[in-house]
Amino acid sequence: QTPGKKREQVAVITSGGKVHYADVVKGRVTISRDNATQYLQMVNL
């Protein structure tokens, strides 16, 4: 979220390991999950 703008989804990972990325970041971000910790790796920012 940026000031004055609506919060937008970037990436989601389910308990089954399925992932979903917003089109605007697809190919530049990777979401992963390690037990209780999730990560968002962002490149080419």
PDB file of all heavy atoms in Angstrom:
ATOM      1  N   GLN A   1       0.823  -1.188   0.000  1.00  0.00           N
ATOM      2  CA  GLN A   1       0.000   0.000   0.000  1.00  0.00           C
ATOM      3  C   GLN A   1       0.863   1.246   0.000  1.00  0.00           C
ATOM      4  O   GLN A   1       1.851   1.329   0.727  1.00  0.00           O
ATOM      5  CB  GLN A   1      -0.928   0.009   1.222  1.00  0.00           C
ATOM      6  CG  GLN A   1      -1.950   1.121   1.222  1.00  0.00           C
ATOM      7  CD  GLN A   1      -2.973   0.938   2.323  1.00  0.00           C
ATOM      8  OE1 GLN A   1      -2.713   0.284   3.335  1.00  0.00           O
ATOM      9  NE2 GLN A   1      -4.150   1.500   2.127  1.00  0.00           N
ATOM     10  N   THR A   2       0.482   2.206  -0.827  1.00  0.00           N
ATOM     11  CA  THR A   2       1.124   3.508  -0.857  1.00  0.00           C
ATOM     12  C   THR A   2       0.135   4.536  -0.331  1.00  0.00           C
ATOM     13  O   THR A   2      -1.080   4.310  -0.345  1.00  0.00           O
ATOM     14  CB  THR A   2       1.582   3.882  -2.275  1.00  0.00           C
ATOM     15  OG1 THR A   2       0.461   3.829  -3.167  1.00  0.00           O
ATOM     16  CG2 THR A   2       2.650   2.922  -2.761  1.00  0.00           C
ATOM     17  N   PRO A   3       0.626   5.693   0.133  1.00  0.00           N
ATOM     18  CA  PRO A   3      -0.275   6.697   0.698  1.00  0.00           C
ATOM     19  C   PRO A   3      -1.392   7.094  -0.262  1.00  0.00           C
ATOM     20  O   PRO A   3      -1.142   7.379  -1.436  1.00  0.00           O
ATOM     21  CB  PRO A   3       0.653   7.877   0.984  1.00  0.00           C
ATOM     22  CG  PRO A   3       1.980   7.246   1.218  1.00  0.00           C
ATOM     23  CD  PRO A   3       2.034   6.088   0.261  1.00  0.00           C
ATOM     24  N   GLY A   4      -2.608   7.076   0.229  1.00  0.00           N
ATOM     25  CA  GLY A   4      -3.756   7.473  -0.561  1.00  0.00           C
ATOM     26  C   GLY A   4      -4.265   6.420  -1.520  1.00  0.00           C
ATOM     27  O   GLY A   4      -5.208   6.692  -2.274  1.00  0.00           O
ATOM     28  N   LYS A   5      -3.661   5.248  -1.520  1.00  0.00           N
ATOM     29  CA  LYS A   5      -4.071   4.189  -2.432  1.00  0.00           C
ATOM     30  C   LYS A   5      -4.571   2.974  -1.664  1.00  0.00           C
ATOM     31  O   LYS A   5      -4.243   2.765  -0.498  1.00  0.00           O
ATOM     32  CB  LYS A   5      -2.916   3.789  -3.349  1.00  0.00           C
ATOM     33  CG  LYS A   5      -2.452   4.886  -4.291  1.00  0.00           C
ATOM     34  CD  LYS A   5      -1.353   4.383  -5.204  1.00  0.00           C
ATOM     35  CE  LYS A   5      -0.962   5.437  -6.224  1.00  0.00           C
ATOM     36  NZ  LYS A   5      -0.379   6.635  -5.575  1.00  0.00           N
ATOM     37  N   LYS A   6      -5.361   2.180  -2.351  1.00  0.00           N
ATOM     38  CA  LYS A   6      -5.906   0.966  -1.766  1.00  0.00           C
ATOM     39  C   LYS A   6      -4.832  -0.111  -1.664  1.00  0.00           C
ATOM     40  O   LYS A   6      -3.967  -0.225  -2.530  1.00  0.00           O
ATOM     41  CB  LYS A   6      -7.085   0.474  -2.617  1.00  0.00           C
ATOM     42  CG  LYS A   6      -7.807  -0.730  -2.058  1.00  0.00           C
ATOM     43  CD  LYS A   6      -8.951  -1.135  -2.973  1.00  0.00           C
ATOM     44  CE  LYS A   6      -9.676  -2.355  -2.447  1.00  0.00           C
ATOM     45  NZ  LYS A   6     -10.795  -2.749  -3.337  1.00  0.00           N
ATOM     46  N   ARG A   7      -4.904  -0.879  -0.609  1.00  0.00           N
ATOM     47  CA  ARG A   7      -3.980  -1.983  -0.453  1.00  0.00           C
ATOM     48  C   ARG A   7      -4.208  -3.019  -1.549  1.00  0.00           C
ATOM     49  O   ARG A   7      -5.341  -3.405  -1.831  1.00  0.00           O
ATOM     50  CB  ARG A   7      -4.157  -2.616   0.924  1.00  0.00           C
ATOM     51  CG  ARG A   7      -3.087  -3.623   1.298  1.00  0.00           C
ATOM     52  CD  ARG A   7      -3.225  -4.056   2.756  1.00  0.00           C
ATOM     53  NE  ARG A   7      -3.051  -2.932   3.670  1.00  0.00           N
ATOM     54  CZ  ARG A   7      -3.095  -3.036   4.989  1.00  0.00           C
ATOM     55  NH1 ARG A   7      -3.293  -4.207   5.560  1.00  0.00           N
ATOM     56  NH2 ARG A   7      -2.938  -1.953   5.745  1.00  0.00           N
ATOM     57  N   GLU A   8      -3.132  -3.470  -2.176  1.00  0.00           N
ATOM     58  CA  GLU A   8      -3.238  -4.407  -3.271  1.00  0.00           C
ATOM     59  C   GLU A   8      -2.472  -5.688  -2.976  1.00  0.00           C
ATOM     60  O   GLU A   8      -1.440  -5.685  -2.310  1.00  0.00           O
ATOM     61  CB  GLU A   8      -2.736  -3.787  -4.579  1.00  0.00           C
ATOM     62  CG  GLU A   8      -1.258  -3.436  -4.581  1.00  0.00           C
ATOM     63  CD  GLU A   8      -0.795  -2.870  -5.908  1.00  0.00           C
ATOM     64  OE1 GLU A   8      -1.599  -2.800  -6.854  1.00  0.00           O
ATOM     65  OE2 GLU A   8       0.398  -2.491  -6.003  1.00  0.00           O
ATOM     66  N   GLN A   9      -2.990  -6.770  -3.501  1.00  0.00           N
ATOM     67  CA  GLN A   9      -2.364  -8.069  -3.317  1.00  0.00           C
ATOM     68  C   GLN A   9      -1.141  -8.195  -4.210  1.00  0.00           C
ATOM     69  O   GLN A   9      -1.167  -7.819  -5.380  1.00  0.00           O
ATOM     70  CB  GLN A   9      -3.369  -9.171  -3.634  1.00  0.00           C
ATOM     71  CG  GLN A   9      -2.875 -10.579  -3.336  1.00  0.00           C
ATOM     72  CD  GLN A   9      -3.894 -11.632  -3.726  1.00  0.00           C
ATOM     73  OE1 GLN A   9      -3.915 -12.096  -4.863  1.00  0.00           O
ATOM     74  NE2 GLN A   9      -4.752 -11.995  -2.792  1.00  0.00           N
ATOM     75  N   VAL A  10      -0.078  -8.741  -3.663  1.00  0.00           N
ATOM     76  CA  VAL A  10       1.152  -8.976  -4.405  1.00  0.00           C
ATOM     77  C   VAL A  10       1.330 -10.458  -4.699  1.00  0.00           C
ATOM     78  O   VAL A  10       1.561 -10.854  -5.842  1.00  0.00           O
ATOM     79  CB  VAL A  10       2.376  -8.435  -3.644  1.00  0.00           C
ATOM     80  CG1 VAL A  10       3.665  -8.751  -4.403  1.00  0.00           C
ATOM     81  CG2 VAL A  10       2.240  -6.939  -3.407  1.00  0.00           C
ATOM     82  N   ALA A  11       1.240 -11.282  -3.680  1.00  0.00           N
ATOM     83  CA  ALA A  11       1.454 -12.710  -3.839  1.00  0.00           C
ATOM     84  C   ALA A  11       0.786 -13.460  -2.704  1.00  0.00           C
ATOM     85  O   ALA A  11       0.652 -12.940  -1.595  1.00  0.00           O
ATOM     86  CB  ALA A  11       2.952 -13.042  -3.876  1.00  0.00           C
ATOM     87  N   VAL A  12       0.371 -14.678  -2.992  1.00  0.00           N
ATOM     88  CA  VAL A  12      -0.273 -15.534  -2.004  1.00  0.00           C
ATOM     89  C   VAL A  12       0.272 -16.947  -2.146  1.00  0.00           C
ATOM     90  O   VAL A  12       0.522 -17.413  -3.265  1.00  0.00           O
ATOM     91  CB  VAL A  12      -1.807 -15.545  -2.165  1.00  0.00           C
ATOM     92  CG1 VAL A  12      -2.445 -16.597  -1.266  1.00  0.00           C
ATOM     93  CG2 VAL A  12      -2.387 -14.175  -1.867  1.00  0.00           C
ATOM     94  N   ILE A  13       0.436 -17.617  -1.028  1.00  0.00           N
ATOM     95  CA  ILE A  13       0.798 -19.031  -1.038  1.00  0.00           C
ATOM     96  C   ILE A  13      -0.127 -19.754  -0.077  1.00  0.00           C
ATOM     97  O   ILE A  13      -0.331 -19.325   1.059  1.00  0.00           O
ATOM     98  CB  ILE A  13       2.286 -19.246  -0.682  1.00  0.00           C
ATOM     99  CG1 ILE A  13       2.643 -20.737  -0.788  1.00  0.00           C
ATOM    100  CG2 ILE A  13       2.615 -18.685   0.694  1.00  0.00           C
ATOM    101  CD1 ILE A  13       4.138 -21.000  -0.780  1.00  0.00           C
ATOM    102  N   THR A  14      -0.704 -20.852  -0.539  1.00  0.00           N
ATOM    103  CA  THR A  14      -1.631 -21.619   0.280  1.00  0.00           C
ATOM    104  C   THR A  14      -0.887 -22.670   1.082  1.00  0.00           C
ATOM    105  O   THR A  14       0.292 -22.944   0.866  1.00  0.00           O
ATOM    106  CB  THR A  14      -2.701 -22.301  -0.582  1.00  0.00           C
ATOM    107  OG1 THR A  14      -2.107 -23.375  -1.323  1.00  0.00           O
ATOM    108  CG2 THR A  14      -3.337 -21.315  -1.550  1.00  0.00           C
ATOM    109  N   SER A  15      -1.605 -23.278   2.008  1.00  0.00           N
ATOM    110  CA  SER A  15      -1.023 -24.343   2.818  1.00  0.00           C
ATOM    111  C   SER A  15      -0.619 -25.536   1.966  1.00  0.00           C
ATOM    112  O   SER A  15       0.236 -26.323   2.372  1.00  0.00           O
ATOM    113  CB  SER A  15      -2.002 -24.779   3.904  1.00  0.00           C
ATOM    114  OG  SER A  15      -3.207 -25.265   3.343  1.00  0.00           O
ATOM    115  N   GLY A  16      -1.229 -25.670   0.790  1.00  0.00           N
ATOM    116  CA  GLY A  16      -0.885 -26.742  -0.119  1.00  0.00           C
ATOM    117  C   GLY A  16       0.243 -26.407  -1.072  1.00  0.00           C
ATOM    118  O   GLY A  16       0.613 -27.236  -1.911  1.00  0.00           O
ATOM    119  N   GLY A  17       0.779 -25.202  -0.970  1.00  0.00           N
ATOM    120  CA  GLY A  17       1.904 -24.810  -1.795  1.00  0.00           C
ATOM    121  C   GLY A  17       1.546 -24.116  -3.091  1.00  0.00           C
ATOM    122  O   GLY A  17       2.431 -23.790  -3.885  1.00  0.00           O
ATOM    123  N   LYS A  18       0.273 -23.881  -3.324  1.00  0.00           N
ATOM    124  CA  LYS A  18      -0.138 -23.151  -4.521  1.00  0.00           C
ATOM    125  C   LYS A  18       0.189 -21.674  -4.363  1.00  0.00           C
ATOM    126  O   LYS A  18      -0.009 -21.096  -3.299  1.00  0.00           O
ATOM    127  CB  LYS A  18      -1.626 -23.330  -4.776  1.00  0.00           C
ATOM    128  CG  LYS A  18      -2.040 -24.757  -5.077  1.00  0.00           C
ATOM    129  CD  LYS A  18      -1.571 -25.189  -6.448  1.00  0.00           C
ATOM    130  CE  LYS A  18      -2.104 -26.578  -6.797  1.00  0.00           C
ATOM    131  NZ  LYS A  18      -1.689 -27.014  -8.149  1.00  0.00           N
ATOM    132  N   VAL A  19       0.668 -21.073  -5.442  1.00  0.00           N
ATOM    133  CA  VAL A  19       1.048 -19.665  -5.406  1.00  0.00           C
ATOM    134  C   VAL A  19       0.271 -18.879  -6.443  1.00  0.00           C
ATOM    135  O   VAL A  19      -0.169 -19.407  -7.468  1.00  0.00           O
ATOM    136  CB  VAL A  19       2.562 -19.480  -5.632  1.00  0.00           C
ATOM    137  CG1 VAL A  19       3.352 -20.189  -4.547  1.00  0.00           C
ATOM    138  CG2 VAL A  19       2.964 -20.000  -7.008  1.00  0.00           C
ATOM    139  N   HIS A  20       0.101 -17.610  -6.154  1.00  0.00           N
ATOM    140  CA  HIS A  20      -0.565 -16.696  -7.060  1.00  0.00           C
ATOM    141  C   HIS A  20       0.136 -15.348  -6.976  1.00  0.00           C
ATOM    142  O   HIS A  20       0.400 -14.848  -5.885  1.00  0.00           O
ATOM    143  CB  HIS A  20      -2.043 -16.549  -6.706  1.00  0.00           C
ATOM    144  CG  HIS A  20      -2.758 -15.536  -7.531  1.00  0.00           C
ATOM    145  ND1 HIS A  20      -3.164 -15.784  -8.815  1.00  0.00           N
ATOM    146  CD2 HIS A  20      -3.122 -14.257  -7.261  1.00  0.00           C
ATOM    147  CE1 HIS A  20      -3.748 -14.720  -9.316  1.00  0.00           C
ATOM    148  NE2 HIS A  20      -3.741 -13.779  -8.382  1.00  0.00           N
ATOM    149  N   TYR A  21       0.417 -14.772  -8.141  1.00  0.00           N
ATOM    150  CA  TYR A  21       1.086 -13.487  -8.206  1.00  0.00           C
ATOM    151  C   TYR A  21       0.244 -12.471  -8.949  1.00  0.00           C
ATOM    152  O   TYR A  21      -0.429 -12.805  -9.927  1.00  0.00           O
ATOM    153  CB  TYR A  21       2.433 -13.606  -8.917  1.00  0.00           C
ATOM    154  CG  TYR A  21       3.412 -14.539  -8.253  1.00  0.00           C
ATOM    155  CD1 TYR A  21       3.652 -15.803  -8.777  1.00  0.00           C
ATOM    156  CD2 TYR A  21       4.097 -14.156  -7.107  1.00  0.00           C
ATOM    157  CE1 TYR A  21       4.557 -16.658  -8.173  1.00  0.00           C
ATOM    158  CE2 TYR A  21       4.999 -15.011  -6.497  1.00  0.00           C
ATOM    159  CZ  TYR A  21       5.227 -16.255  -7.034  1.00  0.00           C
ATOM    160  OH  TYR A  21       6.127 -17.105  -6.433  1.00  0.00           O
ATOM    161  N   ALA A  22       0.310 -11.252  -8.492  1.00  0.00           N
ATOM    162  CA  ALA A  22      -0.295 -10.177  -9.244  1.00  0.00           C
ATOM    163  C   ALA A  22       0.454 -10.002 -10.561  1.00  0.00           C
ATOM    164  O   ALA A  22       1.669 -10.164 -10.622  1.00  0.00           O
ATOM    165  CB  ALA A  22      -0.260  -8.873  -8.441  1.00  0.00           C
ATOM    166  N   ASP A  23      -0.281  -9.673 -11.609  1.00  0.00           N
ATOM    167  CA  ASP A  23       0.328  -9.552 -12.929  1.00  0.00           C
ATOM    168  C   ASP A  23       1.474  -8.542 -12.949  1.00  0.00           C
ATOM    169  O   ASP A  23       2.477  -8.742 -13.639  1.00  0.00           O
ATOM    170  CB  ASP A  23      -0.719  -9.164 -13.963  1.00  0.00           C
ATOM    171  CG  ASP A  23      -1.682 -10.292 -14.271  1.00  0.00           C
ATOM    172  OD1 ASP A  23      -1.357 -11.461 -13.988  1.00  0.00           O
ATOM    173  OD2 ASP A  23      -2.772 -10.004 -14.804  1.00  0.00           O
ATOM    174  N   VAL A  24       1.343  -7.487 -12.196  1.00  0.00           N
ATOM    175  CA  VAL A  24       2.317  -6.410 -12.239  1.00  0.00           C
ATOM    176  C   VAL A  24       3.676  -6.825 -11.674  1.00  0.00           C
ATOM    177  O   VAL A  24       4.695  -6.205 -11.992  1.00  0.00           O
ATOM    178  CB  VAL A  24       1.780  -5.162 -11.506  1.00  0.00           C
ATOM    179  CG1 VAL A  24       1.732  -5.401 -10.000  1.00  0.00           C
ATOM    180  CG2 VAL A  24       2.608  -3.938 -11.824  1.00  0.00           C
ATOM    181  N   VAL A  25       3.698  -7.876 -10.869  1.00  0.00           N
ATOM    182  CA  VAL A  25       4.955  -8.319 -10.278  1.00  0.00           C
ATOM    183  C   VAL A  25       5.380  -9.694 -10.754  1.00  0.00           C
ATOM    184  O   VAL A  25       6.482 -10.148 -10.423  1.00  0.00           O
ATOM    185  CB  VAL A  25       4.898  -8.324  -8.738  1.00  0.00           C
ATOM    186  CG1 VAL A  25       4.623  -6.929  -8.203  1.00  0.00           C
ATOM    187  CG2 VAL A  25       3.851  -9.312  -8.240  1.00  0.00           C
ATOM    188  N   LYS A  26       4.543 -10.354 -11.515  1.00  0.00           N
ATOM    189  CA  LYS A  26       4.843 -11.704 -11.965  1.00  0.00           C
ATOM    190  C   LYS A  26       6.157 -11.734 -12.744  1.00  0.00           C
ATOM    191  O   LYS A  26       6.392 -10.914 -13.624  1.00  0.00           O
ATOM    192  CB  LYS A  26       3.700 -12.243 -12.826  1.00  0.00           C
ATOM    193  CG  LYS A  26       3.789 -13.734 -13.127  1.00  0.00           C
ATOM    194  CD  LYS A  26       2.535 -14.226 -13.845  1.00  0.00           C
ATOM    195  CE  LYS A  26       1.302 -14.073 -12.982  1.00  0.00           C
ATOM    196  NZ  LYS A  26       0.082 -14.619 -13.643  1.00  0.00           N
ATOM    197  N   GLY A  27       6.998 -12.690 -12.396  1.00  0.00           N
ATOM    198  CA  GLY A  27       8.303 -12.806 -13.018  1.00  0.00           C
ATOM    199  C   GLY A  27       9.392 -12.079 -12.268  1.00  0.00           C
ATOM    200  O   GLY A  27      10.580 -12.289 -12.546  1.00  0.00           O
ATOM    201  N   ARG A  28       9.019 -11.236 -11.329  1.00  0.00           N
ATOM    202  CA  ARG A  28       9.992 -10.468 -10.569  1.00  0.00           C
ATOM    203  C   ARG A  28       9.969 -10.797  -9.081  1.00  0.00           C
ATOM    204  O   ARG A  28      10.864 -10.372  -8.347  1.00  0.00           O
ATOM    205  CB  ARG A  28       9.764  -8.971 -10.755  1.00  0.00           C
ATOM    206  CG  ARG A  28       9.893  -8.510 -12.202  1.00  0.00           C
ATOM    207  CD  ARG A  28       9.876  -6.985 -12.316  1.00  0.00           C
ATOM    208  NE  ARG A  28       8.604  -6.421 -11.876  1.00  0.00           N
ATOM    209  CZ  ARG A  28       8.450  -5.662 -10.797  1.00  0.00           C
ATOM    210  NH1 ARG A  28       9.509  -5.360 -10.047  1.00  0.00           N
ATOM    211  NH2 ARG A  28       7.263  -5.179 -10.481  1.00  0.00           N
ATOM    212  N   VAL A  29       8.961 -11.525  -8.647  1.00  0.00           N
ATOM    213  CA  VAL A  29       8.866 -11.882  -7.234  1.00  0.00           C
ATOM    214  C   VAL A  29       8.632 -13.375  -7.096  1.00  0.00           C
ATOM    215  O   VAL A  29       8.082 -14.025  -7.982  1.00  0.00           O
ATOM    216  CB  VAL A  29       7.757 -11.105  -6.497  1.00  0.00           C
ATOM    217  CG1 VAL A  29       7.931  -9.605  -6.702  1.00  0.00           C
ATOM    218  CG2 VAL A  29       6.380 -11.549  -6.960  1.00  0.00           C
ATOM    219  N   THR A  30       9.063 -13.897  -5.972  1.00  0.00           N
ATOM    220  CA  THR A  30       8.843 -15.294  -5.644  1.00  0.00           C
ATOM    221  C   THR A  30       8.427 -15.389  -4.191  1.00  0.00           C
ATOM    222  O   THR A  30       9.124 -14.884  -3.305  1.00  0.00           O
ATOM    223  CB  THR A  30      10.107 -16.137  -5.863  1.00  0.00           C
ATOM    224  OG1 THR A  30      10.538 -16.014  -7.218  1.00  0.00           O
ATOM    225  CG2 THR A  30       9.824 -17.608  -5.559  1.00  0.00           C
ATOM    226  N   ILE A  31       7.299 -16.018  -3.948  1.00  0.00           N
ATOM    227  CA  ILE A  31       6.844 -16.232  -2.587  1.00  0.00           C
ATOM    228  C   ILE A  31       7.145 -17.671  -2.194  1.00  0.00           C
ATOM    229  O   ILE A  31       6.982 -18.598  -2.986  1.00  0.00           O
ATOM    230  CB  ILE A  31       5.345 -15.913  -2.429  1.00  0.00           C
ATOM    231  CG1 ILE A  31       4.937 -15.960  -0.955  1.00  0.00           C
ATOM    232  CG2 ILE A  31       4.479 -16.842  -3.269  1.00  0.00           C
ATOM    233  CD1 ILE A  31       3.534 -15.420  -0.689  1.00  0.00           C
ATOM    234  N   SER A  32       7.595 -17.849  -0.987  1.00  0.00           N
ATOM    235  CA  SER A  32       7.904 -19.178  -0.486  1.00  0.00           C
ATOM    236  C   SER A  32       7.534 -19.258   0.983  1.00  0.00           C
ATOM    237  O   SER A  32       7.298 -18.238   1.638  1.00  0.00           O
ATOM    238  CB  SER A  32       9.377 -19.532  -0.695  1.00  0.00           C
ATOM    239  OG  SER A  32      10.222 -18.620  -0.017  1.00  0.00           O
ATOM    240  N   ARG A  33       7.493 -20.476   1.478  1.00  0.00           N
ATOM    241  CA  ARG A  33       7.066 -20.689   2.850  1.00  0.00           C
ATOM    242  C   ARG A  33       7.900 -21.782   3.487  1.00  0.00           C
ATOM    243  O   ARG A  33       8.111 -22.845   2.892  1.00  0.00           O
ATOM    244  CB  ARG A  33       5.580 -21.053   2.865  1.00  0.00           C
ATOM    245  CG  ARG A  33       4.940 -21.106   4.227  1.00  0.00           C
ATOM    246  CD  ARG A  33       3.445 -21.306   4.063  1.00  0.00           C
ATOM    247  NE  ARG A  33       2.750 -21.435   5.332  1.00  0.00           N
ATOM    248  CZ  ARG A  33       1.443 -21.601   5.453  1.00  0.00           C
ATOM    249  NH1 ARG A  33       0.685 -21.656   4.362  1.00  0.00           N
ATOM    250  NH2 ARG A  33       0.884 -21.707   6.649  1.00  0.00           N
ATOM    251  N   ASP A  34       8.375 -21.527   4.678  1.00  0.00           N
ATOM    252  CA  ASP A  34       9.170 -22.478   5.430  1.00  0.00           C
ATOM    253  C   ASP A  34       8.569 -22.566   6.819  1.00  0.00           C
ATOM    254  O   ASP A  34       8.880 -21.755   7.690  1.00  0.00           O
ATOM    255  CB  ASP A  34      10.638 -22.053   5.483  1.00  0.00           C
ATOM    256  CG  ASP A  34      11.495 -23.026   6.257  1.00  0.00           C
ATOM    257  OD1 ASP A  34      11.028 -24.133   6.570  1.00  0.00           O
ATOM    258  OD2 ASP A  34      12.660 -22.676   6.544  1.00  0.00           O
ATOM    259  N   ASN A  35       7.691 -23.525   7.001  1.00  0.00           N
ATOM    260  CA  ASN A  35       6.967 -23.685   8.260  1.00  0.00           C
ATOM    261  C   ASN A  35       6.197 -22.405   8.584  1.00  0.00           C
ATOM    262  O   ASN A  35       5.292 -22.038   7.859  1.00  0.00           O
ATOM    263  CB  ASN A  35       7.916 -24.093   9.373  1.00  0.00           C
ATOM    264  CG  ASN A  35       8.482 -25.485   9.168  1.00  0.00           C
ATOM    265  OD1 ASN A  35       7.797 -26.383   8.697  1.00  0.00           O
ATOM    266  ND2 ASN A  35       9.746 -25.667   9.529  1.00  0.00           N
ATOM    267  N   ALA A  36       6.575 -21.730   9.647  1.00  0.00           N
ATOM    268  CA  ALA A  36       5.828 -20.561  10.087  1.00  0.00           C
ATOM    269  C   ALA A  36       6.328 -19.255   9.480  1.00  0.00           C
ATOM    270  O   ALA A  36       5.809 -18.192   9.823  1.00  0.00           O
ATOM    271  CB  ALA A  36       5.855 -20.458  11.604  1.00  0.00           C
ATOM    272  N   THR A  37       7.308 -19.327   8.607  1.00  0.00           N
ATOM    273  CA  THR A  37       7.862 -18.131   7.995  1.00  0.00           C
ATOM    274  C   THR A  37       7.622 -18.127   6.494  1.00  0.00           C
ATOM    275  O   THR A  37       7.843 -19.137   5.819  1.00  0.00           O
ATOM    276  CB  THR A  37       9.372 -18.017   8.269  1.00  0.00           C
ATOM    277  OG1 THR A  37       9.594 -18.003   9.678  1.00  0.00           O
ATOM    278  CG2 THR A  37       9.936 -16.745   7.668  1.00  0.00           C
ATOM    279  N   GLN A  38       7.170 -17.010   5.975  1.00  0.00           N
ATOM    280  CA  GLN A  38       7.047 -16.844   4.542  1.00  0.00           C
ATOM    281  C   GLN A  38       7.986 -15.753   4.076  1.00  0.00           C
ATOM    282  O   GLN A  38       8.342 -14.847   4.830  1.00  0.00           O
ATOM    283  CB  GLN A  38       5.609 -16.537   4.125  1.00  0.00           C
ATOM    284  CG  GLN A  38       5.094 -15.175   4.556  1.00  0.00           C
ATOM    285  CD  GLN A  38       3.863 -14.759   3.784  1.00  0.00           C
ATOM    286  OE1 GLN A  38       3.728 -15.057   2.587  1.00  0.00           O
ATOM    287  NE2 GLN A  38       2.953 -14.063   4.454  1.00  0.00           N
ATOM    288  N   TYR A  39       8.370 -15.856   2.806  1.00  0.00           N
ATOM    289  CA  TYR A  39       9.324 -14.938   2.223  1.00  0.00           C
ATOM    290  C   TYR A  39       8.792 -14.387   0.916  1.00  0.00           C
ATOM    291  O   TYR A  39       8.051 -15.044   0.193  1.00  0.00           O
ATOM    292  CB  TYR A  39      10.661 -15.630   1.961  1.00  0.00           C
ATOM    293  CG  TYR A  39      11.256 -16.309   3.163  1.00  0.00           C
ATOM    294  CD1 TYR A  39      10.983 -17.645   3.433  1.00  0.00           C
ATOM    295  CD2 TYR A  39      12.089 -15.616   4.034  1.00  0.00           C
ATOM    296  CE1 TYR A  39      11.523 -18.273   4.540  1.00  0.00           C
ATOM    297  CE2 TYR A  39      12.639 -16.237   5.141  1.00  0.00           C
ATOM    298  CZ  TYR A  39      12.353 -17.565   5.390  1.00  0.00           C
ATOM    299  OH  TYR A  39      12.895 -18.185   6.483  1.00  0.00           O
ATOM    300  N   LEU A  40       9.200 -13.183   0.619  1.00  0.00           N
ATOM    301  CA  LEU A  40       8.937 -12.590  -0.678  1.00  0.00           C
ATOM    302  C   LEU A  40      10.268 -12.120  -1.239  1.00  0.00           C
ATOM    303  O   LEU A  40      10.815 -11.108  -0.794  1.00  0.00           O
ATOM    304  CB  LEU A  40       7.952 -11.428  -0.581  1.00  0.00           C
ATOM    305  CG  LEU A  40       7.485 -10.874  -1.929  1.00  0.00           C
ATOM    306  CD1 LEU A  40       6.571 -11.877  -2.625  1.00  0.00           C
ATOM    307  CD2 LEU A  40       6.767  -9.541  -1.754  1.00  0.00           C
ATOM    308  N   GLN A  41      10.794 -12.877  -2.197  1.00  0.00           N
ATOM    309  CA  GLN A  41      12.020 -12.498  -2.875  1.00  0.00           C
ATOM    310  C   GLN A  41      11.665 -11.602  -4.051  1.00  0.00           C
ATOM    311  O   GLN A  41      10.900 -12.003  -4.926  1.00  0.00           O
ATOM    312  CB  GLN A  41      12.772 -13.733  -3.356  1.00  0.00           C
ATOM    313  CG  GLN A  41      14.061 -13.429  -4.099  1.00  0.00           C
ATOM    314  CD  GLN A  41      15.116 -12.823  -3.208  1.00  0.00           C
ATOM    315  OE1 GLN A  41      15.458 -13.385  -2.170  1.00  0.00           O
ATOM    316  NE2 GLN A  41      15.641 -11.666  -3.591  1.00  0.00           N
ATOM    317  N   MET A  42      12.209 -10.415  -4.062  1.00  0.00           N
ATOM    318  CA  MET A  42      11.910  -9.437  -5.090  1.00  0.00           C
ATOM    319  C   MET A  42      13.185  -9.084  -5.841  1.00  0.00           C
ATOM    320  O   MET A  42      14.210  -8.781  -5.231  1.00  0.00           O
ATOM    321  CB  MET A  42      11.296  -8.180  -4.484  1.00  0.00           C
ATOM    322  CG  MET A  42      10.145  -8.456  -3.524  1.00  0.00           C
ATOM    323  SD  MET A  42       9.525  -6.958  -2.713  1.00  0.00           S
ATOM    324  CE  MET A  42       8.693  -6.174  -4.096  1.00  0.00           C
ATOM    325  N   VAL A  43      13.115  -9.138  -7.159  1.00  0.00           N
ATOM    326  CA  VAL A  43      14.245  -8.782  -8.006  1.00  0.00           C
ATOM    327  C   VAL A  43      13.784  -7.779  -9.045  1.00  0.00           C
ATOM    328  O   VAL A  43      12.586  -7.601  -9.285  1.00  0.00           O
ATOM    329  CB  VAL A  43      14.863 -10.020  -8.694  1.00  0.00           C
ATOM    330  CG1 VAL A  43      15.369 -11.014  -7.665  1.00  0.00           C
ATOM    331  CG2 VAL A  43      13.846 -10.680  -9.616  1.00  0.00           C
ATOM    332  N   ASN A  44      14.765  -7.134  -9.677  1.00  0.00           N
ATOM    333  CA  ASN A  44      14.475  -6.136 -10.703  1.00  0.00           C
ATOM    334  C   ASN A  44      13.423  -5.139 -10.224  1.00  0.00           C
ATOM    335  O   ASN A  44      12.443  -4.852 -10.907  1.00  0.00           O
ATOM    336  CB  ASN A  44      14.019  -6.811 -11.994  1.00  0.00           C
ATOM    337  CG  ASN A  44      14.003  -5.870 -13.178  1.00  0.00           C
ATOM    338  OD1 ASN A  44      14.721  -4.865 -13.199  1.00  0.00           O
ATOM    339  ND2 ASN A  44      13.174  -6.178 -14.173  1.00  0.00           N
ATOM    340  N   LEU A  45      13.644  -4.610  -9.060  1.00  0.00           N
ATOM    341  CA  LEU A  45      12.676  -3.705  -8.455  1.00  0.00           C
ATOM    342  C   LEU A  45      12.568  -2.397  -9.225  1.00  0.00           C
ATOM    343  O   LEU A  45      13.548  -1.893  -9.776  1.00  0.00           O
ATOM    344  CB  LEU A  45      13.048  -3.433  -7.005  1.00  0.00           C
ATOM    345  CG  LEU A  45      12.750  -4.595  -6.055  1.00  0.00           C
ATOM    346  CD1 LEU A  45      13.497  -4.432  -4.745  1.00  0.00           C
ATOM    347  CD2 LEU A  45      11.248  -4.695  -5.801  1.00  0.00           C
TER     348      LEU A  45
END
